[in-house]
N, C-alpha and C. Protein backbone atom coordinates (compact mmCIF):
# COMPACT_ATOMS: atom_id res chain seq x y z
N MET A 1 -48.32 82.86 123.16
CA MET A 1 -49.32 82.34 122.28
C MET A 1 -50.16 81.36 123.18
N SER A 2 -51.40 81.65 122.97
CA SER A 2 -52.36 80.76 123.72
C SER A 2 -52.33 79.41 123.11
N SER A 3 -52.92 78.32 123.95
CA SER A 3 -53.13 77.07 123.25
C SER A 3 -54.12 76.97 122.28
N GLY A 4 -55.00 77.81 122.11
CA GLY A 4 -55.96 77.70 121.19
C GLY A 4 -55.36 78.42 119.86
N THR A 5 -54.59 79.36 120.01
CA THR A 5 -53.93 79.83 118.84
C THR A 5 -52.68 78.90 118.17
N TYR A 6 -52.10 78.31 119.15
CA TYR A 6 -51.19 77.34 118.61
C TYR A 6 -51.79 76.31 117.91
N VAL A 7 -52.87 75.66 118.48
CA VAL A 7 -53.47 74.62 117.81
C VAL A 7 -54.08 74.87 116.36
N GLN A 8 -54.64 76.23 116.26
CA GLN A 8 -54.97 76.72 114.89
C GLN A 8 -54.00 76.90 114.05
N SER A 9 -52.62 77.30 114.53
CA SER A 9 -51.56 77.48 113.50
C SER A 9 -51.23 76.13 113.10
N VAL A 10 -51.18 75.12 113.98
CA VAL A 10 -50.77 73.68 113.62
C VAL A 10 -51.70 73.26 112.51
N VAL A 11 -53.12 73.43 112.70
CA VAL A 11 -54.05 72.96 111.73
C VAL A 11 -53.92 73.59 110.34
N ASP A 12 -53.52 75.18 110.47
CA ASP A 12 -53.53 75.79 109.07
C ASP A 12 -52.31 75.24 108.47
N ALA A 13 -51.23 74.88 109.17
CA ALA A 13 -49.88 74.45 108.62
C ALA A 13 -50.09 72.98 107.92
N LEU A 14 -50.83 72.19 108.61
CA LEU A 14 -51.26 71.05 108.00
C LEU A 14 -52.09 71.20 106.61
N CYS A 15 -53.01 71.90 106.78
CA CYS A 15 -53.86 72.24 105.56
C CYS A 15 -52.95 72.63 104.41
N GLN A 16 -52.05 73.61 104.65
CA GLN A 16 -51.12 74.08 103.69
C GLN A 16 -50.20 72.94 102.99
N LEU A 17 -49.93 72.10 104.01
CA LEU A 17 -48.95 70.94 103.55
C LEU A 17 -49.72 69.95 102.72
N SER A 18 -51.09 69.65 103.03
CA SER A 18 -51.91 68.88 102.29
C SER A 18 -52.27 69.29 100.94
N SER A 19 -52.41 70.65 100.80
CA SER A 19 -52.96 71.33 99.48
C SER A 19 -51.86 71.92 98.54
N HIS A 20 -50.67 71.91 99.18
CA HIS A 20 -49.60 72.60 98.18
C HIS A 20 -48.38 71.93 98.27
N ASP A 21 -47.71 72.05 96.98
CA ASP A 21 -46.38 71.48 96.77
C ASP A 21 -45.32 72.14 97.72
N VAL A 22 -44.44 71.11 98.45
CA VAL A 22 -43.54 71.72 99.29
C VAL A 22 -42.45 72.49 98.65
N LEU A 23 -42.14 71.94 97.40
CA LEU A 23 -40.97 72.61 96.74
C LEU A 23 -41.21 73.92 96.30
N THR A 24 -42.23 74.12 95.37
CA THR A 24 -42.54 75.32 94.60
C THR A 24 -43.63 76.23 95.36
N GLY A 25 -44.52 75.72 96.49
CA GLY A 25 -45.46 76.41 96.93
C GLY A 25 -46.62 76.61 96.27
N LEU A 26 -46.78 76.02 95.14
CA LEU A 26 -48.07 75.88 94.32
C LEU A 26 -48.94 74.87 94.81
N PRO A 27 -50.15 75.06 94.46
CA PRO A 27 -51.14 74.13 94.72
C PRO A 27 -50.65 72.77 94.08
N ASN A 28 -50.89 71.59 94.80
CA ASN A 28 -50.52 70.20 94.41
C ASN A 28 -51.54 69.66 93.49
N ARG A 29 -51.41 68.45 92.89
CA ARG A 29 -52.18 67.97 91.96
C ARG A 29 -53.63 67.75 92.69
N ARG A 30 -53.71 67.36 93.86
CA ARG A 30 -54.94 67.06 94.53
C ARG A 30 -55.83 68.39 94.72
N SER A 31 -55.16 69.34 95.01
CA SER A 31 -55.69 70.52 95.20
C SER A 31 -56.12 71.23 93.90
N PHE A 32 -55.34 71.06 92.86
CA PHE A 32 -55.77 71.52 91.40
C PHE A 32 -56.96 70.71 90.95
N SER A 33 -56.98 69.32 91.20
CA SER A 33 -58.23 68.77 90.60
C SER A 33 -59.36 69.25 91.09
N GLN A 34 -59.45 69.59 92.52
CA GLN A 34 -60.61 70.25 92.97
C GLN A 34 -60.85 71.57 92.31
N ALA A 35 -59.81 72.38 92.04
CA ALA A 35 -60.10 73.78 91.39
C ALA A 35 -60.65 73.47 89.91
N MET A 36 -60.09 72.43 89.41
CA MET A 36 -60.72 72.08 87.88
C MET A 36 -62.25 71.57 88.10
N ASP A 37 -62.55 70.79 89.20
CA ASP A 37 -63.95 70.50 89.32
C ASP A 37 -64.68 71.58 89.48
N ARG A 38 -64.32 72.63 90.35
CA ARG A 38 -65.13 73.77 90.50
C ARG A 38 -65.30 74.63 89.22
N GLU A 39 -64.31 74.76 88.38
CA GLU A 39 -64.37 75.49 87.18
C GLU A 39 -65.29 74.73 86.18
N LEU A 40 -65.21 73.24 85.98
CA LEU A 40 -66.10 72.62 85.07
C LEU A 40 -67.48 72.77 85.65
N ASP A 41 -67.72 72.88 86.88
CA ASP A 41 -69.07 73.33 87.21
C ASP A 41 -69.58 74.53 86.79
N ARG A 42 -68.86 75.37 86.93
CA ARG A 42 -69.10 76.87 86.49
C ARG A 42 -69.37 77.04 85.15
N VAL A 43 -68.58 76.42 84.22
CA VAL A 43 -68.63 76.43 82.92
C VAL A 43 -70.11 75.71 82.44
N ALA A 44 -70.32 74.70 83.15
CA ALA A 44 -71.52 73.89 82.77
C ALA A 44 -72.76 74.72 83.02
N ARG A 45 -72.58 75.57 84.05
CA ARG A 45 -73.88 76.38 84.37
C ARG A 45 -73.86 77.64 83.47
N SER A 46 -72.80 78.22 83.18
CA SER A 46 -72.74 79.66 82.70
C SER A 46 -72.42 79.69 81.24
N GLY A 47 -71.73 78.67 80.76
CA GLY A 47 -71.41 78.58 79.28
C GLY A 47 -70.19 79.52 79.03
N ASP A 48 -69.44 79.91 80.08
CA ASP A 48 -68.20 80.60 79.84
C ASP A 48 -67.15 79.73 79.32
N VAL A 49 -66.03 80.44 78.73
CA VAL A 49 -65.02 79.76 78.19
C VAL A 49 -63.72 79.57 79.18
N ALA A 50 -63.25 78.41 79.40
CA ALA A 50 -62.21 77.96 80.29
C ALA A 50 -61.16 77.24 79.65
N LEU A 51 -59.85 77.62 79.97
CA LEU A 51 -58.61 76.92 79.26
C LEU A 51 -57.97 76.18 80.22
N LEU A 52 -57.53 75.02 79.85
CA LEU A 52 -56.45 74.32 80.77
C LEU A 52 -55.32 74.10 79.98
N LEU A 53 -54.01 74.39 80.61
CA LEU A 53 -52.76 74.61 79.99
C LEU A 53 -52.02 73.48 80.83
N MET A 54 -51.42 72.60 80.09
CA MET A 54 -50.19 71.66 80.61
C MET A 54 -49.01 72.15 79.93
N VAL A 55 -47.98 72.40 80.95
CA VAL A 55 -46.74 72.91 80.71
C VAL A 55 -45.75 72.01 81.01
N ASP A 56 -44.79 71.61 80.19
CA ASP A 56 -43.76 70.60 80.55
C ASP A 56 -42.31 71.18 80.10
N ILE A 57 -41.57 70.98 81.07
CA ILE A 57 -40.13 71.57 80.90
C ILE A 57 -39.24 70.56 79.82
N ASP A 58 -38.93 70.89 78.85
CA ASP A 58 -38.20 70.12 77.84
C ASP A 58 -36.74 69.67 78.36
N HIS A 59 -36.61 68.49 78.19
CA HIS A 59 -35.30 67.79 78.28
C HIS A 59 -35.03 68.13 79.88
N PHE A 60 -35.70 67.96 80.73
CA PHE A 60 -35.57 68.17 82.13
C PHE A 60 -34.53 67.10 82.68
N LYS A 61 -34.73 65.95 82.39
CA LYS A 61 -33.92 64.75 82.85
C LYS A 61 -32.35 65.23 82.62
N HIS A 62 -32.23 65.83 81.48
CA HIS A 62 -30.69 66.30 81.19
C HIS A 62 -30.26 67.36 82.38
N VAL A 63 -31.20 68.05 83.03
CA VAL A 63 -30.73 69.00 83.77
C VAL A 63 -30.33 68.28 85.03
N ASN A 64 -31.14 67.43 85.59
CA ASN A 64 -30.84 66.53 86.75
C ASN A 64 -29.40 65.65 86.52
N ASP A 65 -29.38 65.14 85.51
CA ASP A 65 -28.24 64.25 84.98
C ASP A 65 -26.98 64.93 85.00
N THR A 66 -26.92 66.46 84.54
CA THR A 66 -25.80 67.19 84.33
C THR A 66 -25.55 67.93 85.62
N TYR A 67 -26.44 68.49 86.03
CA TYR A 67 -26.28 69.44 87.44
C TYR A 67 -26.73 69.09 88.63
N GLY A 68 -27.42 67.97 88.52
CA GLY A 68 -27.68 67.33 89.94
C GLY A 68 -29.14 67.81 90.31
N HIS A 69 -29.81 67.02 91.10
CA HIS A 69 -31.22 67.26 91.49
C HIS A 69 -31.42 68.48 92.38
N LEU A 70 -30.36 69.18 93.06
CA LEU A 70 -30.74 70.22 93.85
C LEU A 70 -30.82 71.26 92.79
N ALA A 71 -30.03 71.37 91.62
CA ALA A 71 -30.17 72.38 90.52
C ALA A 71 -31.53 72.25 89.97
N GLY A 72 -31.95 70.91 89.91
CA GLY A 72 -33.25 70.64 89.16
C GLY A 72 -34.38 71.14 90.06
N ASP A 73 -34.24 71.29 91.35
CA ASP A 73 -35.20 71.90 92.32
C ASP A 73 -35.20 73.30 92.02
N ASP A 74 -33.95 74.09 92.01
CA ASP A 74 -33.88 75.40 91.67
C ASP A 74 -34.52 75.74 90.36
N VAL A 75 -34.57 75.01 89.47
CA VAL A 75 -35.09 75.20 88.18
C VAL A 75 -36.73 75.17 88.23
N LEU A 76 -37.19 74.19 88.98
CA LEU A 76 -38.62 74.01 89.17
C LEU A 76 -39.02 75.23 89.92
N ARG A 77 -38.46 75.65 90.88
CA ARG A 77 -39.01 76.85 91.81
C ARG A 77 -39.08 78.07 90.91
N GLN A 78 -38.03 78.34 90.02
CA GLN A 78 -38.04 79.40 89.10
C GLN A 78 -39.00 79.42 88.08
N VAL A 79 -39.27 78.23 87.40
CA VAL A 79 -40.28 78.11 86.28
C VAL A 79 -41.62 78.43 87.24
N ALA A 80 -41.80 77.84 88.33
CA ALA A 80 -43.09 78.22 88.95
C ALA A 80 -43.31 79.61 89.10
N LEU A 81 -42.39 80.44 89.49
CA LEU A 81 -42.47 81.90 89.62
C LEU A 81 -42.62 82.53 88.33
N ARG A 82 -42.12 82.15 87.17
CA ARG A 82 -42.42 82.53 85.76
C ARG A 82 -43.69 82.41 85.48
N LEU A 83 -44.32 81.18 85.69
CA LEU A 83 -45.75 81.01 85.45
C LEU A 83 -46.56 81.79 86.05
N LEU A 84 -46.33 82.13 87.43
CA LEU A 84 -47.29 83.02 88.36
C LEU A 84 -47.09 84.53 87.62
N ASP A 85 -45.98 84.88 87.11
CA ASP A 85 -45.99 86.13 86.38
C ASP A 85 -46.66 86.27 85.21
N CYS A 86 -47.00 85.19 84.58
CA CYS A 86 -47.59 85.09 83.24
C CYS A 86 -49.18 85.27 83.35
N VAL A 87 -49.70 85.01 84.45
CA VAL A 87 -51.23 84.75 84.58
C VAL A 87 -51.85 85.75 85.47
N ARG A 88 -53.15 85.90 85.46
CA ARG A 88 -53.95 86.77 86.28
C ARG A 88 -54.02 86.20 87.65
N PRO A 89 -54.46 87.08 88.61
CA PRO A 89 -54.59 86.57 89.98
C PRO A 89 -55.79 85.43 89.98
N MET A 90 -56.60 85.59 89.11
CA MET A 90 -57.94 84.69 89.12
C MET A 90 -57.48 83.31 88.69
N ASP A 91 -56.44 83.19 88.01
CA ASP A 91 -55.83 81.94 87.32
C ASP A 91 -55.26 81.07 88.42
N THR A 92 -55.24 79.72 88.26
CA THR A 92 -54.85 78.67 89.06
C THR A 92 -53.61 78.02 88.58
N VAL A 93 -52.52 78.18 88.98
CA VAL A 93 -51.09 77.44 88.69
C VAL A 93 -50.88 76.42 89.57
N ALA A 94 -50.56 75.40 89.06
CA ALA A 94 -50.32 74.07 90.07
C ALA A 94 -48.88 73.32 89.54
N ARG A 95 -48.32 72.64 90.46
CA ARG A 95 -47.27 71.82 90.01
C ARG A 95 -48.05 70.39 89.89
N TYR A 96 -48.05 69.89 88.59
CA TYR A 96 -49.02 68.73 88.47
C TYR A 96 -48.30 67.35 88.70
N GLY A 97 -46.87 67.48 88.55
CA GLY A 97 -46.07 66.34 88.87
C GLY A 97 -44.75 66.43 88.15
N GLY A 98 -43.56 65.92 88.76
CA GLY A 98 -42.31 66.07 88.14
C GLY A 98 -41.93 67.37 87.83
N GLU A 99 -41.82 67.46 86.36
CA GLU A 99 -41.37 68.73 85.63
C GLU A 99 -42.64 69.38 84.87
N GLU A 100 -43.83 68.84 85.22
CA GLU A 100 -45.09 69.26 84.66
C GLU A 100 -45.84 70.23 85.54
N PHE A 101 -46.26 71.33 84.89
CA PHE A 101 -47.18 72.26 85.67
C PHE A 101 -48.56 72.36 84.96
N ALA A 102 -49.66 72.84 85.56
CA ALA A 102 -50.94 73.15 84.99
C ALA A 102 -51.46 74.26 85.49
N VAL A 103 -52.29 74.88 84.46
CA VAL A 103 -52.92 76.19 84.66
C VAL A 103 -54.24 76.17 84.13
N VAL A 104 -55.29 76.59 85.01
CA VAL A 104 -56.70 76.72 84.66
C VAL A 104 -56.88 78.35 84.40
N LEU A 105 -57.34 78.85 83.40
CA LEU A 105 -57.70 80.14 83.12
C LEU A 105 -59.23 80.31 82.90
N PRO A 106 -60.14 80.65 83.83
CA PRO A 106 -61.36 81.00 83.63
C PRO A 106 -61.59 82.23 82.90
N ASN A 107 -62.90 82.27 82.38
CA ASN A 107 -63.31 83.49 81.50
C ASN A 107 -62.09 83.83 80.56
N CYS A 108 -61.73 82.81 79.76
CA CYS A 108 -60.60 82.91 78.72
C CYS A 108 -61.09 82.98 77.48
N SER A 109 -60.87 83.98 76.68
CA SER A 109 -61.20 84.06 75.34
C SER A 109 -60.17 83.19 74.66
N TYR A 110 -60.45 82.80 73.38
CA TYR A 110 -59.63 81.92 72.54
C TYR A 110 -58.25 82.93 72.19
N THR A 111 -58.48 83.99 71.97
CA THR A 111 -57.21 84.90 71.71
C THR A 111 -56.46 84.89 72.80
N TYR A 112 -57.07 85.32 73.99
CA TYR A 112 -56.33 85.48 75.23
C TYR A 112 -55.66 84.16 75.47
N GLY A 113 -56.29 83.16 75.49
CA GLY A 113 -55.69 81.84 75.89
C GLY A 113 -54.42 81.51 74.98
N GLU A 114 -54.30 81.81 73.89
CA GLU A 114 -53.12 81.49 72.94
C GLU A 114 -52.05 82.56 73.29
N MET A 115 -52.56 83.78 73.66
CA MET A 115 -51.58 84.77 74.13
C MET A 115 -50.89 84.35 75.40
N VAL A 116 -51.66 83.89 76.27
CA VAL A 116 -50.86 83.63 77.67
C VAL A 116 -50.06 82.35 77.58
N ALA A 117 -50.47 81.33 76.49
CA ALA A 117 -49.68 80.32 76.43
C ALA A 117 -48.31 80.60 75.75
N GLU A 118 -48.35 81.48 74.76
CA GLU A 118 -47.16 81.90 74.07
C GLU A 118 -46.35 82.83 75.10
N ARG A 119 -46.96 83.52 75.99
CA ARG A 119 -46.26 84.19 77.02
C ARG A 119 -45.56 83.35 77.97
N ILE A 120 -45.98 82.37 78.39
CA ILE A 120 -45.41 81.38 79.11
C ILE A 120 -44.19 80.71 78.51
N ARG A 121 -44.49 80.38 77.16
CA ARG A 121 -43.28 79.55 76.41
C ARG A 121 -41.93 80.68 76.34
N HIS A 122 -42.41 82.06 75.89
CA HIS A 122 -41.36 82.96 75.76
C HIS A 122 -40.84 83.34 77.06
N SER A 123 -41.42 83.29 78.21
CA SER A 123 -40.84 83.77 79.60
C SER A 123 -39.72 82.65 80.02
N ILE A 124 -39.78 81.64 79.49
CA ILE A 124 -38.83 80.58 79.75
C ILE A 124 -37.55 80.60 78.74
N GLU A 125 -38.06 80.77 77.41
CA GLU A 125 -36.95 80.58 76.22
C GLU A 125 -36.21 81.92 76.21
N ASP A 126 -36.73 83.02 76.55
CA ASP A 126 -36.10 84.31 76.50
C ASP A 126 -35.29 84.78 77.60
N ASN A 127 -35.35 84.02 78.80
CA ASN A 127 -34.65 84.51 79.96
C ASN A 127 -33.99 83.30 80.61
N PRO A 128 -32.80 83.12 80.73
CA PRO A 128 -32.11 81.95 81.29
C PRO A 128 -32.31 82.00 82.73
N LEU A 129 -32.25 80.90 83.28
CA LEU A 129 -32.58 80.62 84.65
C LEU A 129 -31.07 80.44 85.19
N PHE A 130 -31.02 80.77 86.67
CA PHE A 130 -29.70 80.86 87.44
C PHE A 130 -29.64 79.75 88.35
N LEU A 131 -28.69 79.11 88.33
CA LEU A 131 -28.33 78.24 89.44
C LEU A 131 -27.58 78.82 90.58
N LYS A 132 -27.68 78.18 91.73
CA LYS A 132 -26.96 78.76 92.86
C LYS A 132 -25.57 78.92 92.78
N ASN A 133 -24.83 78.32 91.85
CA ASN A 133 -23.41 78.51 91.71
C ASN A 133 -23.03 79.80 90.60
N GLY A 134 -24.34 80.27 90.17
CA GLY A 134 -24.11 81.37 89.36
C GLY A 134 -24.12 81.22 87.97
N GLN A 135 -24.28 79.91 87.59
CA GLN A 135 -24.34 79.42 86.19
C GLN A 135 -25.66 79.59 85.46
N GLN A 136 -25.53 80.12 84.43
CA GLN A 136 -26.88 80.33 83.62
C GLN A 136 -27.22 79.07 82.75
N LEU A 137 -28.75 78.83 82.78
CA LEU A 137 -29.24 77.61 82.15
C LEU A 137 -30.38 78.17 81.26
N SER A 138 -30.13 77.82 79.88
CA SER A 138 -31.13 78.13 78.98
C SER A 138 -32.29 76.81 78.76
N LEU A 139 -33.45 77.05 79.02
CA LEU A 139 -34.38 75.97 78.81
C LEU A 139 -35.69 76.45 78.05
N THR A 140 -36.39 75.33 77.65
CA THR A 140 -37.58 75.79 77.03
C THR A 140 -38.77 74.89 77.61
N VAL A 141 -39.97 75.11 77.18
CA VAL A 141 -41.24 74.33 77.76
C VAL A 141 -42.04 74.03 76.42
N SER A 142 -42.67 73.09 76.64
CA SER A 142 -43.85 72.86 75.63
C SER A 142 -45.12 72.89 76.24
N VAL A 143 -46.01 73.43 75.63
CA VAL A 143 -47.37 73.79 76.11
C VAL A 143 -48.57 73.27 75.39
N GLY A 144 -49.39 72.32 76.00
CA GLY A 144 -50.68 71.88 75.39
C GLY A 144 -51.81 72.65 76.04
N GLY A 145 -52.98 72.72 75.42
CA GLY A 145 -54.03 73.19 75.94
C GLY A 145 -55.40 72.72 75.37
N ALA A 146 -56.57 72.80 76.26
CA ALA A 146 -57.68 72.40 75.75
C ALA A 146 -58.81 73.23 76.57
N TYR A 147 -59.92 73.48 75.73
CA TYR A 147 -60.96 74.34 76.40
C TYR A 147 -62.01 73.42 76.92
N ALA A 148 -62.53 73.84 78.18
CA ALA A 148 -63.67 73.01 78.65
C ALA A 148 -65.00 73.17 77.86
N PRO A 149 -65.66 72.09 77.55
CA PRO A 149 -66.79 72.09 76.86
C PRO A 149 -67.99 72.83 77.38
N GLN A 150 -68.54 73.70 77.00
CA GLN A 150 -69.46 74.86 77.31
C GLN A 150 -70.73 73.94 77.47
N TRP A 151 -71.52 74.33 78.50
CA TRP A 151 -72.90 73.76 78.88
C TRP A 151 -72.84 72.36 79.17
N ILE A 152 -71.65 71.70 79.31
CA ILE A 152 -71.68 70.29 79.85
C ILE A 152 -70.94 70.00 80.86
N ARG A 153 -71.59 69.19 81.84
CA ARG A 153 -70.71 68.88 83.12
C ARG A 153 -69.76 67.80 82.71
N SER A 154 -68.59 68.11 82.38
CA SER A 154 -67.54 66.92 82.03
C SER A 154 -66.84 66.70 83.39
N GLU A 155 -65.63 65.89 83.16
CA GLU A 155 -65.13 65.56 84.30
C GLU A 155 -63.44 66.03 84.21
N ALA A 156 -62.89 66.22 85.18
CA ALA A 156 -61.41 66.88 85.24
C ALA A 156 -60.53 65.82 84.55
N ALA A 157 -60.63 64.39 84.67
CA ALA A 157 -59.88 63.58 83.98
C ALA A 157 -60.01 63.64 82.54
N ILE A 158 -61.19 63.85 82.06
CA ILE A 158 -61.37 63.99 80.47
C ILE A 158 -60.89 65.23 79.96
N TRP A 159 -60.98 66.40 80.95
CA TRP A 159 -60.25 67.72 80.44
C TRP A 159 -58.79 67.45 80.49
N THR A 160 -58.16 66.88 81.39
CA THR A 160 -56.76 66.79 81.36
C THR A 160 -56.15 66.03 80.26
N GLU A 161 -56.96 64.76 80.04
CA GLU A 161 -56.59 63.88 78.96
C GLU A 161 -56.60 64.67 77.56
N ARG A 162 -57.52 65.66 77.38
CA ARG A 162 -57.32 66.49 76.27
C ARG A 162 -56.31 67.43 75.97
N ALA A 163 -55.82 68.14 77.18
CA ALA A 163 -54.78 69.05 77.14
C ALA A 163 -53.45 68.24 76.93
N ASP A 164 -53.36 66.95 77.74
CA ASP A 164 -52.29 66.13 77.47
C ASP A 164 -52.10 65.76 76.03
N ARG A 165 -53.09 65.34 75.31
CA ARG A 165 -52.84 65.11 73.89
C ARG A 165 -52.15 66.34 73.20
N GLN A 166 -52.57 67.41 73.43
CA GLN A 166 -52.09 68.73 72.78
C GLN A 166 -50.65 68.91 73.19
N LEU A 167 -50.26 68.46 74.43
CA LEU A 167 -49.02 68.53 74.90
C LEU A 167 -48.16 67.55 74.26
N TYR A 168 -48.57 66.34 74.24
CA TYR A 168 -47.79 65.33 73.44
C TYR A 168 -47.68 65.73 71.93
N ARG A 169 -48.61 66.45 71.40
CA ARG A 169 -48.40 66.87 69.90
C ARG A 169 -47.36 68.01 69.91
N ALA A 170 -47.30 68.68 70.98
CA ALA A 170 -46.19 69.82 71.00
C ALA A 170 -44.82 69.20 70.99
N LYS A 171 -44.78 68.13 71.82
CA LYS A 171 -43.48 67.31 71.95
C LYS A 171 -43.04 66.51 70.66
N ARG A 172 -43.99 66.02 70.09
CA ARG A 172 -43.58 65.27 68.70
C ARG A 172 -43.34 66.22 67.65
N GLU A 173 -43.87 67.42 67.67
CA GLU A 173 -43.60 68.33 66.69
C GLU A 173 -42.14 69.23 66.89
N GLY A 174 -41.56 68.85 67.81
CA GLY A 174 -40.19 69.45 68.21
C GLY A 174 -39.96 70.13 69.43
N ARG A 175 -40.88 70.20 70.25
CA ARG A 175 -40.81 70.82 71.53
C ARG A 175 -40.79 72.36 71.44
N ASN A 176 -40.83 73.16 72.40
CA ASN A 176 -40.62 74.56 72.49
C ASN A 176 -41.72 75.20 71.72
N ARG A 177 -43.04 74.72 71.93
CA ARG A 177 -44.05 75.20 71.15
C ARG A 177 -45.37 75.06 71.76
N VAL A 178 -46.38 75.81 71.45
CA VAL A 178 -47.80 75.68 71.84
C VAL A 178 -48.62 74.94 70.93
N CYS A 179 -49.57 74.06 71.41
CA CYS A 179 -50.46 73.30 70.80
C CYS A 179 -51.79 73.52 71.48
N LEU A 180 -52.85 74.16 70.99
CA LEU A 180 -54.19 74.25 71.60
C LEU A 180 -55.11 73.77 70.67
N GLU A 181 -56.15 73.16 71.26
CA GLU A 181 -57.38 72.69 70.37
C GLU A 181 -57.85 73.89 69.70
N GLU A 182 -58.07 73.71 68.37
CA GLU A 182 -58.60 74.74 67.43
C GLU A 182 -60.12 75.10 67.86
N THR A 183 -60.84 74.22 68.15
CA THR A 183 -62.30 74.43 68.55
C THR A 183 -62.58 73.45 69.78
N ILE A 184 -63.71 73.83 70.29
CA ILE A 184 -64.29 72.86 71.32
C ILE A 184 -65.42 71.99 70.91
N ASP A 185 -65.98 72.47 69.69
CA ASP A 185 -67.18 71.62 69.14
C ASP A 185 -66.91 70.43 68.72
N THR A 186 -65.76 70.23 68.13
CA THR A 186 -65.42 69.05 67.36
C THR A 186 -64.54 67.95 68.47
N VAL A 187 -64.42 68.47 69.73
CA VAL A 187 -63.73 67.47 70.52
C VAL A 187 -64.57 66.91 71.65
N VAL A 188 -65.92 67.12 71.61
CA VAL A 188 -66.63 66.50 72.77
C VAL A 188 -66.57 65.08 72.67
N SER A 189 -65.99 64.28 73.59
CA SER A 189 -65.87 62.99 73.69
C SER A 189 -67.11 62.24 74.02
N ALA A 190 -67.01 60.93 73.85
CA ALA A 190 -68.06 60.06 73.97
C ALA A 190 -68.61 59.92 75.50
N GLU A 191 -67.49 60.11 76.21
CA GLU A 191 -67.86 60.19 77.60
C GLU A 191 -68.40 61.43 77.97
N GLU A 192 -68.13 62.55 77.52
CA GLU A 192 -68.85 63.86 77.88
C GLU A 192 -70.24 63.73 77.11
N LYS A 193 -70.48 63.14 76.07
CA LYS A 193 -71.73 62.94 75.40
C LYS A 193 -72.70 62.15 76.29
N GLU A 194 -72.19 61.14 76.97
CA GLU A 194 -72.78 60.26 77.91
C GLU A 194 -73.16 61.08 79.19
N LEU A 195 -72.47 61.96 79.75
CA LEU A 195 -72.59 62.82 80.77
C LEU A 195 -73.80 63.79 80.54
N LEU A 196 -73.81 64.18 79.19
CA LEU A 196 -74.92 65.40 78.77
C LEU A 196 -76.20 64.56 78.58
N PHE A 197 -76.20 63.33 77.89
CA PHE A 197 -77.35 62.84 77.36
C PHE A 197 -77.80 61.52 78.18
N GLY A 198 -76.90 60.93 78.97
CA GLY A 198 -77.22 59.53 79.61
C GLY A 198 -78.38 59.60 80.55
N GLY A 199 -78.55 60.83 81.22
CA GLY A 199 -79.84 60.93 82.05
C GLY A 199 -81.13 61.18 81.52
N LEU A 200 -81.27 61.44 80.26
CA LEU A 200 -82.52 61.46 79.53
C LEU A 200 -83.16 60.23 79.47
N ASN A 201 -84.51 60.23 79.27
CA ASN A 201 -85.32 59.08 79.02
C ASN A 201 -85.54 58.93 77.69
N LEU A 202 -84.83 58.03 77.12
CA LEU A 202 -84.78 57.77 75.57
C LEU A 202 -85.57 56.49 75.18
N GLY A 203 -86.34 56.00 76.30
CA GLY A 203 -87.12 54.86 76.08
C GLY A 203 -88.31 55.03 74.97
N MET A 204 -88.77 56.17 74.90
CA MET A 204 -89.86 56.63 74.13
C MET A 204 -89.39 56.40 72.53
N TYR A 205 -88.00 56.35 72.30
CA TYR A 205 -87.64 56.33 70.87
C TYR A 205 -87.21 54.91 70.54
N GLU A 206 -87.23 53.97 71.47
CA GLU A 206 -86.85 52.70 71.26
C GLU A 206 -87.91 51.90 70.54
N ALA A 207 -87.43 50.88 69.53
CA ALA A 207 -88.43 50.01 68.81
C ALA A 207 -89.35 49.43 69.82
N ARG A 208 -90.60 49.38 69.62
CA ARG A 208 -91.62 48.69 70.38
C ARG A 208 -91.97 47.30 69.75
N PRO A 209 -92.37 46.49 70.44
CA PRO A 209 -92.89 45.20 69.93
C PRO A 209 -94.08 45.27 68.96
N SER A 210 -94.15 44.52 67.81
CA SER A 210 -94.90 44.66 66.87
C SER A 210 -95.90 43.38 66.87
N ALA A 211 -97.08 43.42 66.26
CA ALA A 211 -98.06 42.44 66.03
C ALA A 211 -98.71 42.37 64.69
N GLN A 212 -99.13 41.36 64.19
CA GLN A 212 -99.97 41.18 63.18
C GLN A 212 -101.40 41.12 63.36
N ASP A 213 -102.17 41.86 62.38
CA ASP A 213 -103.65 41.82 62.40
C ASP A 213 -104.11 40.63 61.65
N GLY A 214 -105.28 40.41 61.44
CA GLY A 214 -105.83 39.23 60.86
C GLY A 214 -105.45 39.02 59.41
N ASN A 215 -105.12 40.25 58.64
CA ASN A 215 -104.84 40.11 57.41
C ASN A 215 -103.32 40.21 57.28
N GLY A 216 -102.58 39.74 58.34
CA GLY A 216 -101.09 39.66 58.22
C GLY A 216 -100.25 41.02 57.90
N GLN A 217 -101.09 42.09 58.19
CA GLN A 217 -100.44 43.37 58.31
C GLN A 217 -99.61 43.65 59.75
N THR A 218 -98.54 44.32 59.75
CA THR A 218 -97.80 44.52 60.81
C THR A 218 -98.47 45.73 61.61
N ILE A 219 -98.77 45.56 62.91
CA ILE A 219 -99.29 46.76 63.73
C ILE A 219 -98.29 47.13 64.73
N HIS A 220 -97.88 48.35 64.76
CA HIS A 220 -96.98 48.81 65.72
C HIS A 220 -97.80 49.36 66.85
N SER A 221 -97.26 49.02 68.07
CA SER A 221 -98.12 49.54 69.12
C SER A 221 -97.64 50.86 69.62
């Protein structure tokens, strides 16, 4: 191997480490945030529909406490593979942190988005995971989802917060369920409205100083 080839291989390895989760091989949170930014920019320009799913393993602490952290690592790797099997090549699956995963689905209709979310949930519920000692483990996941606002240049943090709210709702309602925003029209936040309208010159609509004429009548300039 030439010195140039070796240096390039080291650079490639470092790039892989900086953008991917070592345990699962999925994009990490930093890399996923960049993917979200790209998708939000595309949605703002094209008006296409995109869905963000947050997937959390239910009662994962019990797995670590009962079977150990190495078993927990096995579970995370297997869940990551299940998620990849449930989505299209164009979709992005990432390990968001701990036992939480995230998925961005571009060009995703409302019907398809719900179908994928349920497919993910069933892929975990209906098929036990296997530990290295041969023991089977039955788990479930909760899924929350939010659609990116069309024609608006939103932010990844706002999109994530919406999906997280739906995930928390799924947890509150008993876990092992999917909760998606019903529509995107009713959930445009104040921050996103500011992003959309904040740059417009609204000074022409502001109240202007008034004066009075000689007869005491108010004159608006």
